[in-house]
Amino acid sequence: MSWLLVPPVTAGVLISSALVLTPFREYMTPREYAGDDQFVSVKSYSLHYTDEGPRDGIPVVMLHGATACSFTWRHQRKAFADAGYRVITIDQIGHGASDRPNAPVYTTRLQAELILDAMDALGIETAHLVGHSFGGRAAMQIAIIAPHRVLSLVAICPEAFATARPSIAVLVATPLIGQTIAFYSLAPVLVGTGLRHLSRSYDWLTSEAIAGYVRPFYVQGTIAAQIWQARSPKDGAQPVPTHLHAITQPTLLLWGSDDPVFPVTEGRQLSSILPNATLQVFDPVGHLPHEEARDGITTAILNFLRHP
């Protein structure tokens, strides 16, 4: 939507509706959404996590992508736990049941540091990292700043090369207009359409799956978090795109052949930069391989974890 083309009266109605209706949509606290007490406090933020499988199993830490949460890993969590791994998923700030700070702190660097602090709080010295999209970027940031903590890395369609926020972030960061864009773009009724746009295989798009992705949007502060992410610097110290060569851990790159967000050409480029990486492409699959081709993705990750 071009705000320059919206009549002033219409724009006023859209803005006022967003301001008035946001508190009614965001009716849950993070703990009400979580339904449990699995939280760690790190750097003054509360992060929600899941912890499954044997406590003496090799840890696998899983990081979701933007606007998602630990729900996205529900199938892999069970499979990895059944295989004997200790499986931890962590909701990054601004997502799931974790805090949604009203400050420009949503950098890749801070997200990575918070994950490392959460690992410390959970008694995890080293782990295999699995990340999707922005979660893949956060996992790569961890591998760059704390290589001794990473046994191996699995990156699913990761955000590897972006150096700035997308252009829409300029509008989202704008007072009132940003609130309005975030309110309507995160409308629960549009989530199914958004997931379908990201996908190329659709059998997984059940009403239960869509409901699982919708539910965190009802948590208080979700829209404000989107605005503050748009106002935050992208990276911080040691930005991912310029330090990719430093990632020397065994790395498995998993990509959809028709990813509409980060095209598979980026996967080929990334595999040529990382010194110890293997690329596996799934077809016909979009930006959500762990959902669209969950059995193949789960098997590929398990095989890699056994022989990284």
Foldseek 3Di string as FASTA:
>chain_A
DDPVPDPPVRLVVLLVCLVVCLCVLQPAALCRQVVDDQWDADPNWIKHKDKAADPPAAEEEEEEAPLFFPLLCVVLCVVVRVVRHTYMYIGFALYRSIHQDLAQPPALLVSLVVVVVVCVVVVQQAHAYEYAACGLQSVLSNCQPPVVRHQEYEYELYPFADQWDPPCLVQLLDPSSVSSVLSVVLPLVCQLVVVVVQKDAPPLSDPVSSCNSNVRSNHPNNSSSSNSPSVHGHHPPPRRNVRLLSNAHAYEYEYACAAPPRHCVVVVVSQVRHPRYDYDYDPNTYRSCCRRVVVVVSVVVVVVVVPD
